Structures are given as C-alpha cells and as structure tokens.
Amino acid sequence: MKSFFEGIASLFVDFLFKPFDALRELELTNWWSANFMNWIFILICAGAMVYWIKQLNIFKANNEDEQDTTAHSFLK
C-alpha cells in the first residue's frame, strides 16, 4: 500500500508539476511572462463583463428588465 501512495506522489512531483516548476523558475527572470495565463484570464473576464453590461443595456432600452422586488415569490 505504501508503494501505491509513493507512486501517486511520484506522478505528481516528477511529471504533473513540472510546468509549475518551470513557471517558478521563469518568475525569477521575468514576472510578466511567468503570469501570462493570469493575463489571459483577466482579458477573458473583462470581455465577458463588457458583453454582460451591453446585454443589460439592451434589455433596459427595450424595457424588458424586471425591476420589481417582488418578481420572485420568495421575496414577497
């Protein structure tokens, strides 16, 4: 049973975490390139927020949004 858990530890430490070790070493030389995935996620979230706000404005312009606080039965 001990060898089973050592095999799992070896899988993660020796193989699956290698990209994270490379990013950790890259951070010492260039912080911006080490965090490129964070920048991609930030851009995706910013684009989604812009799209969401545009859709809210479209519904507001067409008077299709429900501003009543009793719109749901559990709020009555």
PDB file of N, CA and C in Angstrom:
ATOM      1  N   MET A   1       0.822  -1.197   0.000  1.00  0.00           N
ATOM      2  CA  MET A   1       0.000   0.000   0.000  1.00  0.00           C
ATOM      3  C   MET A   1       0.869   1.265   0.000  1.00  0.00           C
ATOM      4  N   LYS A   2       2.021   1.151   0.674  1.00  0.00           N
ATOM      5  CA  LYS A   2       2.920   2.303   0.732  1.00  0.00           C
ATOM      6  C   LYS A   2       3.441   2.652  -0.659  1.00  0.00           C
ATOM      7  N   SER A   3       3.740   1.627  -1.456  1.00  0.00           N
ATOM      8  CA  SER A   3       4.263   1.893  -2.801  1.00  0.00           C
ATOM      9  C   SER A   3       3.205   2.538  -3.694  1.00  0.00           C
ATOM     10  N   PHE A   4       1.936   2.238  -3.454  1.00  0.00           N
ATOM     11  CA  PHE A   4       0.855   2.866  -4.226  1.00  0.00           C
ATOM     12  C   PHE A   4       0.853   4.379  -4.006  1.00  0.00           C
ATOM     13  N   PHE A   5       0.930   4.806  -2.754  1.00  0.00           N
ATOM     14  CA  PHE A   5       0.925   6.236  -2.457  1.00  0.00           C
ATOM     15  C   PHE A   5       2.233   6.901  -2.889  1.00  0.00           C
ATOM     16  N   GLU A   6       3.348   6.173  -2.812  1.00  0.00           N
ATOM     17  CA  GLU A   6       4.598   6.723  -3.323  1.00  0.00           C
ATOM     18  C   GLU A   6       4.549   6.884  -4.840  1.00  0.00           C
ATOM     19  N   GLY A   7       3.843   5.986  -5.514  1.00  0.00           N
ATOM     20  CA  GLY A   7       3.664   6.113  -6.961  1.00  0.00           C
ATOM     21  C   GLY A   7       2.836   7.331  -7.316  1.00  0.00           C
ATOM     22  N   ILE A   8       1.769   7.579  -6.542  1.00  0.00           N
ATOM     23  CA  ILE A   8       0.956   8.777  -6.764  1.00  0.00           C
ATOM     24  C   ILE A   8       1.789  10.031  -6.524  1.00  0.00           C
ATOM     25  N   ALA A   9       2.585  10.029  -5.455  1.00  0.00           N
ATOM     26  CA  ALA A   9       3.439  11.181  -5.159  1.00  0.00           C
ATOM     27  C   ALA A   9       4.450  11.396  -6.277  1.00  0.00           C
ATOM     28  N   SER A  10       5.030  10.313  -6.766  1.00  0.00           N
ATOM     29  CA  SER A  10       5.996  10.427  -7.858  1.00  0.00           C
ATOM     30  C   SER A  10       5.341  10.965  -9.125  1.00  0.00           C
ATOM     31  N   LEU A  11       4.134  10.518  -9.414  1.00  0.00           N
ATOM     32  CA  LEU A  11       3.407  11.005 -10.594  1.00  0.00           C
ATOM     33  C   LEU A  11       3.237  12.516 -10.538  1.00  0.00           C
ATOM     34  N   PHE A  12       2.784  13.020  -9.404  1.00  0.00           N
ATOM     35  CA  PHE A  12       2.542  14.450  -9.304  1.00  0.00           C
ATOM     36  C   PHE A  12       3.834  15.243  -9.257  1.00  0.00           C
ATOM     37  N   VAL A  13       4.781  14.837  -8.418  1.00  0.00           N
ATOM     38  CA  VAL A  13       6.003  15.612  -8.217  1.00  0.00           C
ATOM     39  C   VAL A  13       6.902  15.559  -9.446  1.00  0.00           C
ATOM     40  N   ASP A  14       7.047  14.372 -10.040  1.00  0.00           N
ATOM     41  CA  ASP A  14       8.016  14.202 -11.126  1.00  0.00           C
ATOM     42  C   ASP A  14       7.458  14.541 -12.503  1.00  0.00           C
ATOM     43  N   PHE A  15       6.142  14.493 -12.679  1.00  0.00           N
ATOM     44  CA  PHE A  15       5.581  14.693 -14.022  1.00  0.00           C
ATOM     45  C   PHE A  15       4.569  15.834 -14.098  1.00  0.00           C
ATOM     46  N   LEU A  16       3.540  15.778 -13.280  1.00  0.00           N
ATOM     47  CA  LEU A  16       2.432  16.723 -13.443  1.00  0.00           C
ATOM     48  C   LEU A  16       2.764  18.129 -12.960  1.00  0.00           C
ATOM     49  N   PHE A  17       3.703  18.283 -12.026  1.00  0.00           N
ATOM     50  CA  PHE A  17       4.045  19.607 -11.519  1.00  0.00           C
ATOM     51  C   PHE A  17       5.240  20.232 -12.232  1.00  0.00           C
ATOM     52  N   LYS A  18       5.789  19.577 -13.234  1.00  0.00           N
ATOM     53  CA  LYS A  18       6.939  20.126 -13.965  1.00  0.00           C
ATOM     54  C   LYS A  18       6.626  21.478 -14.614  1.00  0.00           C
ATOM     55  N   PRO A  19       5.457  21.678 -15.219  1.00  0.00           N
ATOM     56  CA  PRO A  19       5.177  23.022 -15.774  1.00  0.00           C
ATOM     57  C   PRO A  19       5.169  24.111 -14.718  1.00  0.00           C
ATOM     58  N   PHE A  20       4.704  23.779 -13.521  1.00  0.00           N
ATOM     59  CA  PHE A  20       4.692  24.780 -12.451  1.00  0.00           C
ATOM     60  C   PHE A  20       6.115  25.089 -11.973  1.00  0.00           C
ATOM     61  N   ASP A  21       6.975  24.079 -11.978  1.00  0.00           N
ATOM     62  CA  ASP A  21       8.382  24.331 -11.640  1.00  0.00           C
ATOM     63  C   ASP A  21       9.025  25.253 -12.673  1.00  0.00           C
ATOM     64  N   ALA A  22       8.686  25.048 -13.939  1.00  0.00           N
ATOM     65  CA  ALA A  22       9.231  25.918 -14.987  1.00  0.00           C
ATOM     66  C   ALA A  22       8.737  27.352 -14.819  1.00  0.00           C
ATOM     67  N   LEU A  23       7.458  27.516 -14.473  1.00  0.00           N
ATOM     68  CA  LEU A  23       6.937  28.873 -14.245  1.00  0.00           C
ATOM     69  C   LEU A  23       7.595  29.518 -13.028  1.00  0.00           C
ATOM     70  N   ARG A  24       7.862  28.730 -12.008  1.00  0.00           N
ATOM     71  CA  ARG A  24       8.515  29.263 -10.815  1.00  0.00           C
ATOM     72  C   ARG A  24       9.919  29.755 -11.150  1.00  0.00           C
ATOM     73  N   GLU A  25      10.639  29.014 -11.988  1.00  0.00           N
ATOM     74  CA  GLU A  25      11.977  29.448 -12.394  1.00  0.00           C
ATOM     75  C   GLU A  25      11.922  30.651 -13.327  1.00  0.00           C
ATOM     76  N   LEU A  26      10.895  30.700 -14.175  1.00  0.00           N
ATOM     77  CA  LEU A  26      10.745  31.829 -15.098  1.00  0.00           C
ATOM     78  C   LEU A  26      10.423  33.112 -14.349  1.00  0.00           C
ATOM     79  N   GLU A  27       9.731  32.989 -13.219  1.00  0.00           N
ATOM     80  CA  GLU A  27       9.353  34.177 -12.458  1.00  0.00           C
ATOM     81  C   GLU A  27      10.580  34.920 -11.945  1.00  0.00           C
ATOM     82  N   LEU A  28      11.655  34.214 -11.708  1.00  0.00           N
ATOM     83  CA  LEU A  28      12.866  34.873 -11.218  1.00  0.00           C
ATOM     84  C   LEU A  28      13.491  35.776 -12.274  1.00  0.00           C
ATOM     85  N   THR A  29      13.245  35.480 -13.554  1.00  0.00           N
ATOM     86  CA  THR A  29      13.819  36.299 -14.620  1.00  0.00           C
ATOM     87  C   THR A  29      12.830  37.313 -15.174  1.00  0.00           C
ATOM     88  N   ASN A  30      11.569  36.914 -15.355  1.00  0.00           N
ATOM     89  CA  ASN A  30      10.579  37.828 -15.935  1.00  0.00           C
ATOM     90  C   ASN A  30       9.204  37.530 -15.347  1.00  0.00           C
ATOM     91  N   TRP A  31       8.748  38.424 -14.481  1.00  0.00           N
ATOM     92  CA  TRP A  31       7.478  38.231 -13.805  1.00  0.00           C
ATOM     93  C   TRP A  31       6.312  38.280 -14.785  1.00  0.00           C
ATOM     94  N   TRP A  32       6.362  39.144 -15.767  1.00  0.00           N
ATOM     95  CA  TRP A  32       5.250  39.324 -16.707  1.00  0.00           C
ATOM     96  C   TRP A  32       4.992  38.071 -17.524  1.00  0.00           C
ATOM     97  N   SER A  33       6.032  37.456 -18.036  1.00  0.00           N
ATOM     98  CA  SER A  33       5.824  36.249 -18.837  1.00  0.00           C
ATOM     99  C   SER A  33       5.465  35.049 -17.973  1.00  0.00           C
ATOM    100  N   ALA A  34       5.867  35.034 -16.716  1.00  0.00           N
ATOM    101  CA  ALA A  34       5.510  33.938 -15.831  1.00  0.00           C
ATOM    102  C   ALA A  34       4.024  33.960 -15.498  1.00  0.00           C
ATOM    103  N   ASN A  35       3.389  35.102 -15.613  1.00  0.00           N
ATOM    104  CA  ASN A  35       1.971  35.235 -15.281  1.00  0.00           C
ATOM    105  C   ASN A  35       1.097  35.422 -16.517  1.00  0.00           C
ATOM    106  N   PHE A  36       1.537  34.895 -17.661  1.00  0.00           N
ATOM    107  CA  PHE A  36       0.773  35.104 -18.896  1.00  0.00           C
ATOM    108  C   PHE A  36      -0.609  34.479 -18.822  1.00  0.00           C
ATOM    109  N   MET A  37      -0.768  33.350 -18.134  1.00  0.00           N
ATOM    110  CA  MET A  37      -2.101  32.733 -18.028  1.00  0.00           C
ATOM    111  C   MET A  37      -3.048  33.622 -17.222  1.00  0.00           C
ATOM    112  N   ASN A  38      -2.529  34.277 -16.203  1.00  0.00           N
ATOM    113  CA  ASN A  38      -3.357  35.202 -15.429  1.00  0.00           C
ATOM    114  C   ASN A  38      -3.849  36.347 -16.303  1.00  0.00           C
ATOM    115  N   TRP A  39      -2.975  36.854 -17.177  1.00  0.00           N
ATOM    116  CA  TRP A  39      -3.376  37.952 -18.058  1.00  0.00           C
ATOM    117  C   TRP A  39      -4.448  37.487 -19.051  1.00  0.00           C
ATOM    118  N   ILE A  40      -4.320  36.265 -19.528  1.00  0.00           N
ATOM    119  CA  ILE A  40      -5.334  35.735 -20.448  1.00  0.00           C
ATOM    120  C   ILE A  40      -6.685  35.629 -19.742  1.00  0.00           C
ATOM    121  N   PHE A  41      -6.689  35.114 -18.513  1.00  0.00           N
ATOM    122  CA  PHE A  41      -7.944  35.000 -17.765  1.00  0.00           C
ATOM    123  C   PHE A  41      -8.539  36.373 -17.456  1.00  0.00           C
ATOM    124  N   ILE A  42      -7.696  37.346 -17.163  1.00  0.00           N
ATOM    125  CA  ILE A  42      -8.188  38.700 -16.906  1.00  0.00           C
ATOM    126  C   ILE A  42      -8.850  39.267 -18.160  1.00  0.00           C
ATOM    127  N   LEU A  43      -8.240  39.055 -19.322  1.00  0.00           N
ATOM    128  CA  LEU A  43      -8.829  39.547 -20.573  1.00  0.00           C
ATOM    129  C   LEU A  43     -10.154  38.845 -20.883  1.00  0.00           C
ATOM    130  N   ILE A  44     -10.232  37.557 -20.641  1.00  0.00           N
ATOM    131  CA  ILE A  44     -11.483  36.826 -20.867  1.00  0.00           C
ATOM    132  C   ILE A  44     -12.580  37.347 -19.954  1.00  0.00           C
ATOM    133  N   CYS A  45     -12.259  37.551 -18.677  1.00  0.00           N
ATOM    134  CA  CYS A  45     -13.259  38.069 -17.727  1.00  0.00           C
ATOM    135  C   CYS A  45     -13.676  39.491 -18.075  1.00  0.00           C
ATOM    136  N   ALA A  46     -12.742  40.318 -18.511  1.00  0.00           N
ATOM    137  CA  ALA A  46     -13.089  41.689 -18.894  1.00  0.00           C
ATOM    138  C   ALA A  46     -14.000  41.682 -20.118  1.00  0.00           C
ATOM    139  N   GLY A  47     -13.713  40.824 -21.087  1.00  0.00           N
ATOM    140  CA  GLY A  47     -14.582  40.717 -22.265  1.00  0.00           C
ATOM    141  C   GLY A  47     -15.969  40.224 -21.903  1.00  0.00           C
ATOM    142  N   ALA A  48     -16.053  39.261 -20.996  1.00  0.00           N
ATOM    143  CA  ALA A  48     -17.364  38.761 -20.559  1.00  0.00           C
ATOM    144  C   ALA A  48     -18.140  39.851 -19.829  1.00  0.00           C
ATOM    145  N   MET A  49     -17.457  40.656 -19.041  1.00  0.00           N
ATOM    146  CA  MET A  49     -18.137  41.735 -18.322  1.00  0.00           C
ATOM    147  C   MET A  49     -18.663  42.797 -19.288  1.00  0.00           C
ATOM    148  N   VAL A  50     -17.873  43.132 -20.295  1.00  0.00           N
ATOM    149  CA  VAL A  50     -18.331  44.107 -21.289  1.00  0.00           C
ATOM    150  C   VAL A  50     -19.550  43.569 -22.025  1.00  0.00           C
ATOM    151  N   TYR A  51     -19.520  42.292 -22.424  1.00  0.00           N
ATOM    152  CA  TYR A  51     -20.663  41.678 -23.100  1.00  0.00           C
ATOM    153  C   TYR A  51     -21.903  41.688 -22.205  1.00  0.00           C
ATOM    154  N   TRP A  52     -21.731  41.349 -20.927  1.00  0.00           N
ATOM    155  CA  TRP A  52     -22.847  41.300 -19.994  1.00  0.00           C
ATOM    156  C   TRP A  52     -23.463  42.687 -19.815  1.00  0.00           C
ATOM    157  N   ILE A  53     -22.632  43.711 -19.682  1.00  0.00           N
ATOM    158  CA  ILE A  53     -23.144  45.071 -19.496  1.00  0.00           C
ATOM    159  C   ILE A  53     -23.874  45.544 -20.749  1.00  0.00           C
ATOM    160  N   LYS A  54     -23.355  45.188 -21.929  1.00  0.00           N
ATOM    161  CA  LYS A  54     -24.051  45.541 -23.176  1.00  0.00           C
ATOM    162  C   LYS A  54     -25.423  44.877 -23.239  1.00  0.00           C
ATOM    163  N   GLN A  55     -25.505  43.616 -22.850  1.00  0.00           N
ATOM    164  CA  GLN A  55     -26.790  42.921 -22.856  1.00  0.00           C
ATOM    165  C   GLN A  55     -27.756  43.543 -21.858  1.00  0.00           C
ATOM    166  N   LEU A  56     -27.264  43.942 -20.689  1.00  0.00           N
ATOM    167  CA  LEU A  56     -28.130  44.610 -19.714  1.00  0.00           C
ATOM    168  C   LEU A  56     -28.669  45.921 -20.271  1.00  0.00           C
ATOM    169  N   ASN A  57     -27.833  46.670 -20.978  1.00  0.00           N
ATOM    170  CA  ASN A  57     -28.282  47.932 -21.572  1.00  0.00           C
ATOM    171  C   ASN A  57     -29.312  47.697 -22.667  1.00  0.00           C
ATOM    172  N   ILE A  58     -29.162  46.621 -23.435  1.00  0.00           N
ATOM    173  CA  ILE A  58     -30.150  46.298 -24.474  1.00  0.00           C
ATOM    174  C   ILE A  58     -31.500  46.001 -23.846  1.00  0.00           C
ATOM    175  N   PHE A  59     -31.523  45.190 -22.792  1.00  0.00           N
ATOM    176  CA  PHE A  59     -32.783  44.871 -22.122  1.00  0.00           C
ATOM    177  C   PHE A  59     -33.389  46.100 -21.458  1.00  0.00           C
ATOM    178  N   LYS A  60     -32.551  46.975 -20.919  1.00  0.00           N
ATOM    179  CA  LYS A  60     -33.062  48.189 -20.282  1.00  0.00           C
ATOM    180  C   LYS A  60     -33.663  49.135 -21.319  1.00  0.00           C
ATOM    181  N   ALA A  61     -33.036  49.230 -22.489  1.00  0.00           N
ATOM    182  CA  ALA A  61     -33.550  50.106 -23.545  1.00  0.00           C
ATOM    183  C   ALA A  61     -34.889  49.611 -24.082  1.00  0.00           C
ATOM    184  N   ASN A  62     -35.103  48.301 -24.079  1.00  0.00           N
ATOM    185  CA  ASN A  62     -36.363  47.723 -24.567  1.00  0.00           C
ATOM    186  C   ASN A  62     -37.402  47.579 -23.467  1.00  0.00           C
ATOM    187  N   ASN A  63     -37.094  48.047 -22.262  1.00  0.00           N
ATOM    188  CA  ASN A  63     -37.979  47.932 -21.089  1.00  0.00           C
ATOM    189  C   ASN A  63     -38.389  46.483 -20.838  1.00  0.00           C
ATOM    190  N   GLU A  64     -37.448  45.571 -21.005  1.00  0.00           N
ATOM    191  CA  GLU A  64     -37.715  44.155 -20.766  1.00  0.00           C
ATOM    192  C   GLU A  64     -37.185  43.689 -19.419  1.00  0.00           C
ATOM    193  N   ASP A  65     -36.467  44.549 -18.705  1.00  0.00           N
ATOM    194  CA  ASP A  65     -35.927  44.111 -17.420  1.00  0.00           C
ATOM    195  C   ASP A  65     -36.975  44.294 -16.328  1.00  0.00           C
ATOM    196  N   GLU A  66     -36.966  43.385 -15.388  1.00  0.00           N
ATOM    197  CA  GLU A  66     -37.927  43.385 -14.282  1.00  0.00           C
ATOM    198  C   GLU A  66     -37.262  44.031 -13.073  1.00  0.00           C
ATOM    199  N   GLN A  67     -37.711  45.236 -12.716  1.00  0.00           N
ATOM    200  CA  GLN A  67     -37.120  45.962 -11.599  1.00  0.00           C
ATOM    201  C   GLN A  67     -37.929  45.811 -10.313  1.00  0.00           C
ATOM    202  N   ASP A  68     -39.002  45.053 -10.359  1.00  0.00           N
ATOM    203  CA  ASP A  68     -39.861  44.871  -9.199  1.00  0.00           C
ATOM    204  C   ASP A  68     -39.190  43.929  -8.201  1.00  0.00           C
ATOM    205  N   THR A  69     -39.160  44.321  -6.940  1.00  0.00           N
ATOM    206  CA  THR A  69     -38.524  43.468  -5.937  1.00  0.00           C
ATOM    207  C   THR A  69     -39.346  42.243  -5.607  1.00  0.00           C
ATOM    208  N   THR A  70     -40.615  42.230  -6.034  1.00  0.00           N
ATOM    209  CA  THR A  70     -41.452  41.054  -5.797  1.00  0.00           C
ATOM    210  C   THR A  70     -41.547  40.194  -7.068  1.00  0.00           C
ATOM    211  N   ALA A  71     -40.517  40.234  -7.892  1.00  0.00           N
ATOM    212  CA  ALA A  71     -40.509  39.459  -9.109  1.00  0.00           C
ATOM    213  C   ALA A  71     -40.478  37.951  -8.817  1.00  0.00           C
ATOM    214  N   HIS A  72     -39.929  37.578  -7.658  1.00  0.00           N
ATOM    215  CA  HIS A  72     -39.882  36.188  -7.267  1.00  0.00           C
ATOM    216  C   HIS A  72     -40.798  35.959  -6.076  1.00  0.00           C
ATOM    217  N   SER A  73     -41.393  34.815  -6.038  1.00  0.00           N
ATOM    218  CA  SER A  73     -42.373  34.548  -4.976  1.00  0.00           C
ATOM    219  C   SER A  73     -41.709  34.516  -3.599  1.00  0.00           C
ATOM    220  N   PHE A  74     -40.454  34.153  -3.503  1.00  0.00           N
ATOM    221  CA  PHE A  74     -39.813  34.081  -2.182  1.00  0.00           C
ATOM    222  C   PHE A  74     -39.447  35.457  -1.634  1.00  0.00           C
ATOM    223  N   LEU A  75     -39.579  36.516  -2.429  1.00  0.00           N
ATOM    224  CA  LEU A  75     -39.297  37.871  -1.957  1.00  0.00           C
ATOM    225  C   LEU A  75     -40.536  38.580  -1.423  1.00  0.00           C
ATOM    226  N   LYS A  76     -41.676  37.967  -1.518  1.00  0.00           N
ATOM    227  CA  LYS A  76     -42.920  38.616  -1.064  1.00  0.00           C
ATOM    228  C   LYS A  76     -43.031  38.578   0.431  1.00  0.00           C
TER     229      LYS A  76
END
